[in-house]
Amino acid sequence: MQTQVKVWGNSQGIRIPKEVLQEASISVDDILDVKVSNGMIMLVKPFRHKTLEERAAEFDGKLSLDGEFDWGEASGRESW
């Protein structure tokens, strides 16, 4: 695929097709790091830890935290 650099105000810009953004999991208003290496421009979505609320939302409020967990046999000086 090719795109063309165009004047955009006092800067230059390119348009990235929606399908390419979807494939890269990039949404409108996402922040991207711009890196240049060996004559190539790379747009990289920075890693961001999810908040507790974002993680809980992935479970649709069905997070089961009650009950016991089997951690295996004791090793060392801990006691169960």
N, C-alpha and C. Protein backbone atom coordinates (compact mmCIF):
# COMPACT_ATOMS: atom_id res chain seq x y z
N MET A 1 0.85 -1.17 0.00
CA MET A 1 0.00 0.00 0.00
C MET A 1 0.89 1.23 0.00
N GLN A 2 0.43 2.25 -0.63
CA GLN A 2 1.16 3.52 -0.66
C GLN A 2 0.24 4.63 -0.20
N THR A 3 0.84 5.67 0.35
CA THR A 3 0.11 6.88 0.72
C THR A 3 1.00 8.06 0.35
N GLN A 4 0.45 9.24 0.38
CA GLN A 4 1.18 10.41 -0.07
C GLN A 4 1.25 11.44 1.06
N VAL A 5 2.42 12.05 1.19
CA VAL A 5 2.61 13.11 2.17
C VAL A 5 1.95 14.37 1.62
N LYS A 6 1.11 15.01 2.45
CA LYS A 6 0.39 16.21 2.03
C LYS A 6 0.65 17.33 3.04
N VAL A 7 0.47 18.55 2.58
CA VAL A 7 0.55 19.71 3.48
C VAL A 7 -0.68 19.71 4.37
N TRP A 8 -0.45 19.94 5.67
CA TRP A 8 -1.53 19.97 6.64
C TRP A 8 -1.26 21.15 7.57
N GLY A 9 -1.79 22.30 7.25
CA GLY A 9 -1.48 23.52 8.00
C GLY A 9 -0.03 23.88 7.76
N ASN A 10 0.73 24.09 8.83
CA ASN A 10 2.16 24.39 8.73
C ASN A 10 3.00 23.12 8.80
N SER A 11 2.37 21.97 8.78
CA SER A 11 3.08 20.69 8.88
C SER A 11 2.77 19.84 7.66
N GLN A 12 3.19 18.62 7.70
CA GLN A 12 2.85 17.64 6.68
C GLN A 12 2.21 16.45 7.37
N GLY A 13 1.39 15.72 6.63
CA GLY A 13 0.73 14.57 7.22
C GLY A 13 0.42 13.51 6.18
N ILE A 14 0.07 12.34 6.68
CA ILE A 14 -0.37 11.25 5.82
C ILE A 14 -1.69 10.73 6.36
N ARG A 15 -2.47 10.11 5.51
CA ARG A 15 -3.71 9.47 5.93
C ARG A 15 -3.45 7.97 6.00
N ILE A 16 -3.90 7.37 7.08
CA ILE A 16 -3.75 5.93 7.26
C ILE A 16 -5.12 5.30 7.16
N PRO A 17 -5.32 4.35 6.26
CA PRO A 17 -6.64 3.73 6.10
C PRO A 17 -7.14 3.05 7.38
N LYS A 18 -8.45 3.07 7.55
CA LYS A 18 -9.10 2.50 8.72
C LYS A 18 -8.70 1.04 8.93
N GLU A 19 -8.61 0.28 7.84
CA GLU A 19 -8.28 -1.14 7.94
C GLU A 19 -6.88 -1.34 8.53
N VAL A 20 -5.95 -0.48 8.16
CA VAL A 20 -4.58 -0.58 8.69
C VAL A 20 -4.58 -0.27 10.18
N LEU A 21 -5.32 0.76 10.58
CA LEU A 21 -5.40 1.11 12.01
C LEU A 21 -6.05 -0.01 12.81
N GLN A 22 -7.09 -0.62 12.27
CA GLN A 22 -7.75 -1.73 12.96
C GLN A 22 -6.79 -2.90 13.13
N GLU A 23 -6.05 -3.21 12.09
CA GLU A 23 -5.10 -4.33 12.16
C GLU A 23 -4.02 -4.08 13.20
N ALA A 24 -3.65 -2.82 13.39
CA ALA A 24 -2.63 -2.45 14.37
C ALA A 24 -3.23 -2.15 15.74
N SER A 25 -4.54 -2.31 15.91
CA SER A 25 -5.24 -2.01 17.17
C SER A 25 -5.02 -0.56 17.60
N ILE A 26 -5.10 0.34 16.65
CA ILE A 26 -4.96 1.77 16.93
C ILE A 26 -6.30 2.45 16.67
N SER A 27 -6.73 3.26 17.63
CA SER A 27 -7.99 3.97 17.53
C SER A 27 -7.75 5.47 17.38
N VAL A 28 -8.78 6.18 16.96
CA VAL A 28 -8.71 7.63 16.86
C VAL A 28 -8.37 8.20 18.24
N ASP A 29 -7.49 9.17 18.28
CA ASP A 29 -7.02 9.85 19.50
C ASP A 29 -6.03 9.04 20.33
N ASP A 30 -5.62 7.83 19.88
CA ASP A 30 -4.57 7.11 20.58
C ASP A 30 -3.27 7.90 20.48
N ILE A 31 -2.44 7.78 21.49
CA ILE A 31 -1.12 8.41 21.49
C ILE A 31 -0.13 7.41 20.91
N LEU A 32 0.72 7.87 19.99
CA LEU A 32 1.72 7.01 19.38
C LEU A 32 3.10 7.62 19.56
N ASP A 33 4.10 6.76 19.79
CA ASP A 33 5.49 7.21 19.78
C ASP A 33 5.96 7.20 18.33
N VAL A 34 6.69 8.24 17.92
CA VAL A 34 7.24 8.31 16.57
C VAL A 34 8.74 8.07 16.69
N LYS A 35 9.22 7.05 15.99
CA LYS A 35 10.64 6.70 16.02
C LYS A 35 11.17 6.69 14.60
N VAL A 36 12.42 7.10 14.44
CA VAL A 36 13.08 7.07 13.13
C VAL A 36 14.32 6.21 13.26
N SER A 37 14.44 5.23 12.37
CA SER A 37 15.60 4.33 12.40
C SER A 37 15.93 3.90 10.97
N ASN A 38 17.17 4.11 10.58
CA ASN A 38 17.64 3.70 9.25
C ASN A 38 16.73 4.23 8.14
N GLY A 39 16.31 5.48 8.24
CA GLY A 39 15.48 6.08 7.19
C GLY A 39 14.03 5.65 7.21
N MET A 40 13.61 4.91 8.25
CA MET A 40 12.21 4.48 8.34
C MET A 40 11.54 5.19 9.50
N ILE A 41 10.30 5.60 9.29
CA ILE A 41 9.48 6.20 10.34
C ILE A 41 8.59 5.11 10.90
N MET A 42 8.63 4.93 12.22
CA MET A 42 7.81 3.91 12.87
C MET A 42 6.86 4.58 13.85
N LEU A 43 5.60 4.20 13.78
CA LEU A 43 4.60 4.67 14.74
C LEU A 43 4.34 3.51 15.69
N VAL A 44 4.60 3.72 16.98
CA VAL A 44 4.51 2.64 17.95
C VAL A 44 3.55 3.03 19.06
N LYS A 45 2.59 2.15 19.33
CA LYS A 45 1.66 2.39 20.43
C LYS A 45 2.38 2.02 21.73
N PRO A 46 2.58 2.99 22.63
CA PRO A 46 3.33 2.70 23.86
C PRO A 46 2.56 1.77 24.77
N PHE A 47 3.29 0.96 25.54
CA PHE A 47 2.66 0.06 26.50
C PHE A 47 2.13 0.87 27.67
N ARG A 48 0.92 0.55 28.09
CA ARG A 48 0.32 1.22 29.24
C ARG A 48 -0.36 0.16 30.09
N HIS A 49 -0.05 0.17 31.39
CA HIS A 49 -0.72 -0.75 32.29
C HIS A 49 -2.19 -0.38 32.41
N LYS A 50 -3.06 -1.36 32.48
CA LYS A 50 -4.49 -1.11 32.66
C LYS A 50 -4.77 -0.77 34.11
N THR A 51 -5.77 0.09 34.33
CA THR A 51 -6.19 0.41 35.69
C THR A 51 -6.99 -0.77 36.24
N LEU A 52 -7.19 -0.77 37.54
CA LEU A 52 -7.99 -1.82 38.17
C LEU A 52 -9.40 -1.83 37.60
N GLU A 53 -9.95 -0.64 37.35
CA GLU A 53 -11.30 -0.54 36.80
C GLU A 53 -11.36 -1.15 35.40
N GLU A 54 -10.33 -0.88 34.57
CA GLU A 54 -10.29 -1.45 33.22
C GLU A 54 -10.19 -2.96 33.27
N ARG A 55 -9.38 -3.48 34.19
CA ARG A 55 -9.23 -4.93 34.31
C ARG A 55 -10.53 -5.56 34.79
N ALA A 56 -11.20 -4.93 35.76
CA ALA A 56 -12.46 -5.48 36.28
C ALA A 56 -13.54 -5.45 35.21
N ALA A 57 -13.54 -4.42 34.36
CA ALA A 57 -14.55 -4.32 33.31
C ALA A 57 -14.45 -5.48 32.33
N GLU A 58 -13.25 -6.03 32.15
CA GLU A 58 -13.07 -7.17 31.25
C GLU A 58 -13.81 -8.42 31.74
N PHE A 59 -14.11 -8.45 33.04
CA PHE A 59 -14.80 -9.60 33.62
C PHE A 59 -16.30 -9.37 33.75
N ASP A 60 -16.80 -8.26 33.24
CA ASP A 60 -18.23 -7.93 33.26
C ASP A 60 -18.83 -8.03 34.66
N GLY A 61 -18.05 -7.67 35.67
CA GLY A 61 -18.55 -7.69 37.04
C GLY A 61 -18.71 -9.08 37.61
N LYS A 62 -18.17 -10.09 36.96
CA LYS A 62 -18.32 -11.47 37.43
C LYS A 62 -16.99 -12.00 37.96
N LEU A 63 -16.28 -11.17 38.68
CA LEU A 63 -14.99 -11.55 39.23
C LEU A 63 -15.21 -12.29 40.54
N SER A 64 -14.82 -13.54 40.60
CA SER A 64 -15.02 -14.37 41.78
C SER A 64 -13.74 -14.41 42.60
N LEU A 65 -13.74 -13.69 43.71
CA LEU A 65 -12.55 -13.64 44.55
C LEU A 65 -12.72 -14.40 45.86
N ASP A 66 -13.88 -14.99 46.10
CA ASP A 66 -14.08 -15.72 47.34
C ASP A 66 -13.67 -17.17 47.15
N GLY A 67 -13.44 -17.84 48.24
CA GLY A 67 -13.05 -19.25 48.18
C GLY A 67 -11.58 -19.42 48.51
N GLU A 68 -11.16 -20.65 48.51
CA GLU A 68 -9.79 -20.97 48.84
C GLU A 68 -9.03 -21.37 47.57
N PHE A 69 -7.73 -21.16 47.63
CA PHE A 69 -6.87 -21.53 46.51
C PHE A 69 -5.85 -22.53 46.99
N ASP A 70 -5.58 -23.53 46.20
CA ASP A 70 -4.57 -24.52 46.54
C ASP A 70 -3.24 -24.05 45.96
N TRP A 71 -2.33 -23.67 46.85
CA TRP A 71 -1.03 -23.18 46.42
C TRP A 71 0.01 -24.30 46.44
N GLY A 72 -0.41 -25.54 46.71
CA GLY A 72 0.53 -26.66 46.74
C GLY A 72 1.08 -26.88 48.14
N GLU A 73 2.01 -27.79 48.22
CA GLU A 73 2.62 -28.11 49.51
C GLU A 73 3.54 -27.00 49.98
N ALA A 74 3.67 -26.88 51.29
CA ALA A 74 4.56 -25.89 51.87
C ALA A 74 6.00 -26.27 51.55
N SER A 75 6.81 -25.26 51.28
CA SER A 75 8.24 -25.50 51.08
C SER A 75 8.99 -24.42 51.85
N GLY A 76 10.05 -24.85 52.51
CA GLY A 76 10.78 -23.88 53.31
C GLY A 76 10.19 -23.80 54.71
N ARG A 77 10.17 -22.59 55.30
CA ARG A 77 9.74 -22.45 56.70
C ARG A 77 8.31 -21.95 56.85
N GLU A 78 7.57 -21.78 55.76
CA GLU A 78 6.19 -21.33 55.93
C GLU A 78 5.33 -22.44 56.50
N SER A 79 4.24 -22.06 57.12
CA SER A 79 3.32 -23.06 57.66
C SER A 79 1.93 -22.76 57.16
N TRP A 80 1.13 -23.81 56.96
CA TRP A 80 -0.23 -23.65 56.45
C TRP A 80 -1.21 -23.88 57.57
